[in-house]
Amino acid sequence: MMKILKKIVFFGTDDFSLIPLRDLIGAGFNIAAVVTKPDTKSGRGQKIISPAVKRLAVAKKIPVLQPNDLSEISNFISSLGDTIGVVVSYGKIIPVEIINLFKSGMVNIHPSLLPLYRGPSPIESVILNGDKYTGVTIIMLTPKMDAGPIYSQEEIRLSGRESKPELRDTLSKLGSELLIKLLPHIMNGDIKPSPQDETKATYSKILNKTDGNLDPKTTTAAQAERMIRAYLGFPKTKTTLFGHNTIITKAHVEKTSKSPVDIVFGDGSVLSVDELIAPSGRKINGREFFNGYS
């Protein structure tokens, strides 16, 4: 690796950001600090949950900053001198005032082939739409969301069976490998990014819990199967079977109905439920659900 002089401030929160941070540390990059969202409370006991990147940074004795407002860390960033920012699924818009503090700019890994699927849910959108290809893009961060000029992209072909967690981990690793390869050249000014084609830009949306409500009258079995894979984890694909609220976690399309827990859609297509979360909270297969809840 060529000599690296600049310090890095890493911005990340979601699980997608863990592999790139781990790999940057492993490759010997100088991580001056990790910026992540504040800890949250979860569950009935309101247990304090820290982002995974925070736990990794603490283990590696890297300073961690968790500001409610990024203006709180302006002086710290300014004190570091000529640094570069690396942003991977941080979860907040980074204002221009913070971007401008980095003399060498800020670099972002985005899990889509930009300008396709700008926004917060590109992985889910790729699966929902049944795309054949996706990938990662390394861009220079700008104030306009995911619209910065492109340093490089890496494309992969999809099998059509990926779930969101599986594709997230694949793209996180792919993005990390590309970032490690490019970052020394970006730091040294050896490569310059190219503008995105604004005429081809598409956008993904913020997901909420109601997006996971399955309506057999307005969707097809094929759409529902993609929805189940795309929404695994959150917002989860929810429907009512035998009068019980359930979360479907795995299913496949059938030509005809063969099981009592098969769902027949408005167009006549059939979804066979392979696995679901029952009202008890247990994950069970379709036959077990029928025997216990029909």
Protein backbone atom coordinates (compact mmCIF):
# COMPACT_ATOMS: atom_id res chain seq x y z
CA MET A 1 0.00 0.00 0.00
CA MET A 2 1.22 3.52 -0.77
CA LYS A 3 2.03 5.84 2.13
CA ILE A 4 -1.10 7.26 3.76
CA LEU A 5 -0.69 10.58 5.57
CA LYS A 6 -4.25 11.69 6.20
CA LYS A 7 -6.39 10.78 9.16
CA ILE A 8 -9.89 9.40 8.61
CA VAL A 9 -13.08 10.28 10.45
CA PHE A 10 -15.51 7.41 9.91
CA PHE A 11 -19.26 8.05 9.95
CA GLY A 12 -21.44 4.94 10.28
CA THR A 13 -24.24 3.42 12.32
CA ASP A 14 -26.13 0.58 10.62
CA ASP A 15 -24.79 -2.97 10.30
CA PHE A 16 -23.84 -2.20 6.68
CA SER A 17 -21.06 0.04 8.00
CA LEU A 18 -19.40 -2.55 10.25
CA ILE A 19 -17.41 -4.48 7.61
CA PRO A 20 -15.89 -1.34 6.00
CA LEU A 21 -14.79 0.01 9.40
CA ARG A 22 -13.32 -3.36 10.38
CA ASP A 23 -11.45 -3.60 7.07
CA LEU A 24 -10.12 -0.03 7.23
CA ILE A 25 -8.70 -0.77 10.67
CA GLY A 26 -7.28 -4.10 9.49
CA ALA A 27 -5.63 -2.47 6.46
CA GLY A 28 -3.76 -0.01 8.68
CA PHE A 29 -5.63 3.19 7.90
CA ASN A 30 -5.40 5.90 10.55
CA ILE A 31 -8.90 6.19 12.03
CA ALA A 32 -8.92 9.35 14.12
CA ALA A 33 -12.51 8.91 15.30
CA VAL A 34 -15.76 7.10 14.65
CA VAL A 35 -18.94 9.18 14.49
CA THR A 36 -22.15 7.26 15.06
CA LYS A 37 -25.72 7.88 16.22
CA PRO A 38 -26.51 7.94 19.94
CA ASP A 39 -27.27 4.71 21.78
CA THR A 40 -30.93 3.66 21.80
CA LYS A 41 -33.25 1.87 24.21
CA SER A 42 -34.89 -1.34 23.05
CA GLY A 43 -37.30 -3.99 24.31
CA ARG A 44 -39.55 -4.14 27.34
CA GLY A 45 -36.63 -3.63 29.68
CA GLN A 46 -35.44 -0.58 27.70
CA LYS A 47 -31.95 -2.04 27.45
CA ILE A 48 -29.34 0.37 26.11
CA ILE A 49 -28.17 -0.73 22.65
CA SER A 50 -24.97 0.66 21.13
CA PRO A 51 -24.28 0.63 17.36
CA ALA A 52 -21.98 -2.20 16.30
CA VAL A 53 -19.42 0.27 14.95
CA LYS A 54 -19.19 1.86 18.39
CA ARG A 55 -18.47 -1.48 20.02
CA LEU A 56 -15.76 -2.21 17.46
CA ALA A 57 -14.18 1.23 17.85
CA VAL A 58 -14.15 0.95 21.65
CA ALA A 59 -12.49 -2.46 21.38
CA LYS A 60 -9.82 -0.94 19.11
CA LYS A 61 -9.41 2.12 21.41
CA ILE A 62 -10.63 4.53 18.73
CA PRO A 63 -12.42 7.67 19.98
CA VAL A 64 -16.21 7.53 19.48
CA LEU A 65 -18.43 10.58 18.99
CA GLN A 66 -22.24 10.30 19.24
CA PRO A 67 -23.60 13.80 18.71
CA ASN A 68 -27.29 14.57 18.57
CA ASP A 69 -26.35 17.39 16.20
CA LEU A 70 -23.22 17.23 14.06
CA SER A 71 -22.44 20.87 14.81
CA GLU A 72 -21.35 19.60 18.24
CA ILE A 73 -18.22 18.01 16.71
CA SER A 74 -17.20 20.85 14.36
CA ASN A 75 -14.34 22.02 16.56
CA PHE A 76 -13.02 18.47 16.96
CA ILE A 77 -12.94 17.88 13.20
CA SER A 78 -11.28 21.24 12.60
CA SER A 79 -8.58 20.39 15.15
CA LEU A 80 -7.52 17.29 13.18
CA GLY A 81 -6.11 19.26 10.25
CA ASP A 82 -6.12 17.75 6.76
CA THR A 83 -8.49 14.78 7.21
CA ILE A 84 -10.84 12.83 4.98
CA GLY A 85 -14.32 11.68 5.93
CA VAL A 86 -15.65 8.22 5.11
CA VAL A 87 -19.43 7.81 5.31
CA VAL A 88 -21.09 4.37 5.29
CA SER A 89 -24.75 4.12 6.27
CA TYR A 90 -24.54 6.81 8.96
CA GLY A 91 -28.30 7.38 9.01
CA LYS A 92 -28.35 11.17 9.08
CA ILE A 93 -27.95 13.87 6.45
CA ILE A 94 -24.51 15.46 6.77
CA PRO A 95 -24.83 19.24 6.35
CA VAL A 96 -22.59 21.23 4.04
CA GLU A 97 -20.99 22.95 7.04
CA ILE A 98 -19.56 19.62 8.17
CA ILE A 99 -18.61 18.49 4.66
CA ASN A 100 -16.61 21.68 4.18
CA LEU A 101 -14.52 20.98 7.28
CA PHE A 102 -12.82 18.10 5.46
CA LYS A 103 -10.12 19.60 3.25
CA SER A 104 -9.76 16.28 1.41
CA GLY A 105 -13.53 15.85 1.12
CA MET A 106 -15.80 13.03 2.20
CA VAL A 107 -16.20 9.64 0.53
CA ASN A 108 -19.38 7.56 0.65
CA ILE A 109 -20.21 3.90 -0.08
CA HIS A 110 -23.73 3.60 -1.50
CA PRO A 111 -25.29 0.12 -2.00
CA SER A 112 -26.66 0.61 -5.52
CA LEU A 113 -25.45 1.39 -9.01
CA LEU A 114 -25.97 5.14 -8.83
CA PRO A 115 -27.75 7.13 -10.09
CA LEU A 116 -30.22 4.26 -9.57
CA TYR A 117 -31.93 4.05 -6.18
CA ARG A 118 -30.68 7.12 -4.42
CA GLY A 119 -32.11 7.39 -0.92
CA PRO A 120 -32.52 5.26 2.19
CA SER A 121 -33.72 1.86 0.91
CA PRO A 122 -31.77 0.86 -2.21
CA ILE A 123 -31.26 -2.78 -1.18
CA GLU A 124 -34.96 -3.31 -0.53
CA SER A 125 -35.84 -1.59 -3.82
CA VAL A 126 -33.56 -3.83 -5.88
CA ILE A 127 -35.18 -6.96 -4.42
CA LEU A 128 -38.74 -5.63 -4.64
CA ASN A 129 -38.33 -4.73 -8.30
CA GLY A 130 -36.79 -8.09 -9.22
CA ASP A 131 -33.65 -6.50 -10.67
CA LYS A 132 -31.09 -8.76 -12.28
CA TYR A 133 -28.08 -6.67 -11.28
CA THR A 134 -27.01 -4.35 -8.49
CA GLY A 135 -23.74 -3.23 -6.96
CA VAL A 136 -21.96 -0.54 -4.98
CA THR A 137 -20.83 2.96 -5.82
CA ILE A 138 -18.04 5.02 -4.26
CA ILE A 139 -18.88 8.72 -4.51
CA MET A 140 -17.67 12.07 -3.26
CA LEU A 141 -20.20 13.25 -0.69
CA THR A 142 -22.12 16.42 -1.58
CA PRO A 143 -25.03 18.19 0.14
CA LYS A 144 -27.55 16.71 -2.31
CA MET A 145 -28.42 13.16 -1.22
CA ASP A 146 -26.45 10.44 -3.10
CA ALA A 147 -25.84 12.82 -6.01
CA GLY A 148 -22.10 13.28 -5.69
CA PRO A 149 -19.67 12.48 -8.50
CA ILE A 150 -18.62 8.85 -8.87
CA TYR A 151 -15.12 7.47 -8.22
CA SER A 152 -15.93 3.88 -9.14
CA GLN A 153 -18.60 1.15 -9.19
CA GLU A 154 -18.67 -2.63 -8.82
CA GLU A 155 -21.56 -4.65 -10.29
CA ILE A 156 -22.87 -8.09 -9.31
CA ARG A 157 -25.52 -10.36 -10.80
CA LEU A 158 -28.42 -11.40 -8.58
CA SER A 159 -29.80 -14.91 -8.28
CA GLY A 160 -33.34 -13.76 -7.46
CA ARG A 161 -33.23 -15.59 -4.12
CA GLU A 162 -31.38 -13.06 -1.97
CA SER A 163 -32.90 -11.77 1.24
CA LYS A 164 -32.17 -8.27 2.48
CA PRO A 165 -29.69 -9.39 5.19
CA GLU A 166 -27.82 -11.59 2.70
CA LEU A 167 -27.60 -8.88 0.04
CA ARG A 168 -26.69 -6.24 2.62
CA ASP A 169 -23.70 -8.28 3.79
CA THR A 170 -22.61 -9.06 0.22
CA LEU A 171 -22.70 -5.40 -0.78
CA SER A 172 -21.04 -4.27 2.45
CA LYS A 173 -18.10 -6.57 1.75
CA LEU A 174 -17.98 -5.55 -1.92
CA GLY A 175 -18.08 -1.86 -1.03
CA SER A 176 -15.39 -2.31 1.58
CA GLU A 177 -13.04 -4.03 -0.86
CA LEU A 178 -13.55 -1.28 -3.44
CA LEU A 179 -13.04 1.45 -0.84
CA ILE A 180 -9.79 -0.08 0.44
CA LYS A 181 -8.50 -0.21 -3.14
CA LEU A 182 -9.48 3.35 -4.02
CA LEU A 183 -8.95 5.29 -0.83
CA PRO A 184 -5.15 5.74 -1.00
CA HIS A 185 -5.52 7.15 -4.53
CA ILE A 186 -8.39 9.42 -3.47
CA MET A 187 -6.32 10.67 -0.51
CA ASN A 188 -3.36 11.42 -2.75
CA GLY A 189 -5.47 13.08 -5.42
CA ASP A 190 -4.54 10.53 -8.08
CA ILE A 191 -8.13 10.00 -9.27
CA LYS A 192 -11.00 12.38 -9.85
CA PRO A 193 -14.72 11.49 -9.74
CA SER A 194 -17.10 11.82 -12.70
CA PRO A 195 -20.54 13.48 -12.50
CA GLN A 196 -23.66 11.30 -12.31
CA ASP A 197 -26.19 11.35 -15.13
CA GLU A 198 -29.10 13.20 -13.52
CA THR A 199 -31.49 12.10 -16.27
CA LYS A 200 -31.18 8.48 -15.07
CA ALA A 201 -31.65 9.14 -11.36
CA THR A 202 -34.26 7.07 -9.48
CA TYR A 203 -35.13 7.19 -5.80
CA SER A 204 -35.91 4.80 -2.95
CA LYS A 205 -38.17 5.78 -0.07
CA ILE A 206 -38.09 5.76 3.71
CA LEU A 207 -39.79 2.55 4.85
CA ASN A 208 -42.30 2.39 7.68
CA LYS A 209 -44.11 -0.45 9.44
CA THR A 210 -47.21 -0.29 7.22
CA ASP A 211 -45.14 -0.98 4.09
CA GLY A 212 -44.94 -4.59 5.30
CA ASN A 213 -48.71 -5.15 5.31
CA LEU A 214 -49.46 -7.80 2.68
CA ASP A 215 -52.70 -7.35 0.71
CA PRO A 216 -53.44 -10.34 -1.60
CA LYS A 217 -56.04 -8.26 -3.44
CA THR A 218 -53.57 -5.71 -4.76
CA THR A 219 -50.39 -7.78 -5.27
CA THR A 220 -49.36 -10.99 -6.99
CA ALA A 221 -47.67 -14.02 -5.44
CA ALA A 222 -44.41 -13.12 -7.19
CA GLN A 223 -44.52 -9.58 -5.80
CA ALA A 224 -45.29 -10.92 -2.33
CA GLU A 225 -42.36 -13.35 -2.45
CA ARG A 226 -39.99 -10.50 -3.31
CA MET A 227 -41.57 -8.38 -0.59
CA ILE A 228 -40.88 -11.08 2.01
CA ARG A 229 -37.18 -11.23 1.06
CA ALA A 230 -36.85 -7.44 0.84
CA TYR A 231 -38.55 -6.67 4.14
CA LEU A 232 -36.93 -9.38 6.26
CA GLY A 233 -35.95 -7.78 9.56
CA PHE A 234 -37.82 -4.52 8.89
CA PRO A 235 -40.57 -3.65 8.22
CA LYS A 236 -41.41 -7.41 8.01
CA THR A 237 -44.14 -8.88 5.82
CA LYS A 238 -47.32 -9.19 7.87
CA THR A 239 -50.65 -10.87 7.08
CA THR A 240 -53.55 -12.66 8.77
CA LEU A 241 -53.87 -16.46 8.55
CA PHE A 242 -56.82 -18.29 10.14
CA GLY A 243 -57.59 -15.07 12.00
CA HIS A 244 -54.10 -14.80 13.50
CA ASN A 245 -51.58 -12.03 12.88
CA THR A 246 -48.38 -13.52 11.45
CA ILE A 247 -45.06 -12.45 9.96
CA ILE A 248 -44.00 -14.40 6.88
CA THR A 249 -40.25 -14.96 6.72
CA LYS A 250 -39.92 -17.41 3.82
CA ALA A 251 -42.20 -18.44 0.95
CA HIS A 252 -42.23 -19.53 -2.68
CA VAL A 253 -44.57 -19.25 -5.65
CA GLU A 254 -46.63 -22.31 -6.66
CA LYS A 255 -48.76 -22.92 -9.75
CA THR A 256 -51.66 -24.28 -7.70
CA SER A 257 -52.67 -24.33 -4.05
CA LYS A 258 -51.40 -27.47 -2.30
CA SER A 259 -51.51 -26.54 1.39
CA PRO A 260 -54.11 -24.99 3.70
CA VAL A 261 -51.72 -22.16 4.48
CA ASP A 262 -51.14 -21.30 0.82
CA ILE A 263 -52.29 -17.77 -0.04
CA VAL A 264 -54.28 -17.28 -3.23
CA PHE A 265 -53.94 -13.77 -4.68
CA GLY A 266 -56.44 -11.72 -6.62
CA ASP A 267 -54.95 -12.71 -9.98
CA GLY A 268 -55.11 -16.41 -9.08
CA SER A 269 -51.40 -16.78 -8.33
CA VAL A 270 -50.40 -18.80 -5.28
CA LEU A 271 -47.85 -18.19 -2.53
CA SER A 272 -46.81 -21.18 -0.43
CA VAL A 273 -45.72 -20.17 3.06
CA ASP A 274 -42.58 -22.06 4.11
CA GLU A 275 -41.81 -20.27 7.36
CA LEU A 276 -43.48 -17.68 9.56
CA ILE A 277 -43.47 -16.12 12.99
CA ALA A 278 -46.59 -17.20 14.86
CA PRO A 279 -48.50 -15.08 17.41
CA SER A 280 -46.44 -16.82 20.11
CA GLY A 281 -43.29 -15.25 18.65
CA ARG A 282 -41.89 -18.62 17.57
CA LYS A 283 -40.58 -19.18 14.05
CA ILE A 284 -42.32 -22.28 12.63
CA ASN A 285 -43.10 -23.86 9.26
CA GLY A 286 -46.45 -23.80 7.52
CA ARG A 287 -47.52 -27.27 8.62
CA GLU A 288 -46.75 -26.51 12.27
CA PHE A 289 -48.76 -23.31 12.04
CA PHE A 290 -51.76 -25.12 10.53
CA ASN A 291 -51.68 -27.82 13.20
CA GLY A 292 -51.44 -25.31 16.01
CA TYR A 293 -53.58 -22.41 14.87
CA SER A 294 -56.16 -23.53 12.28
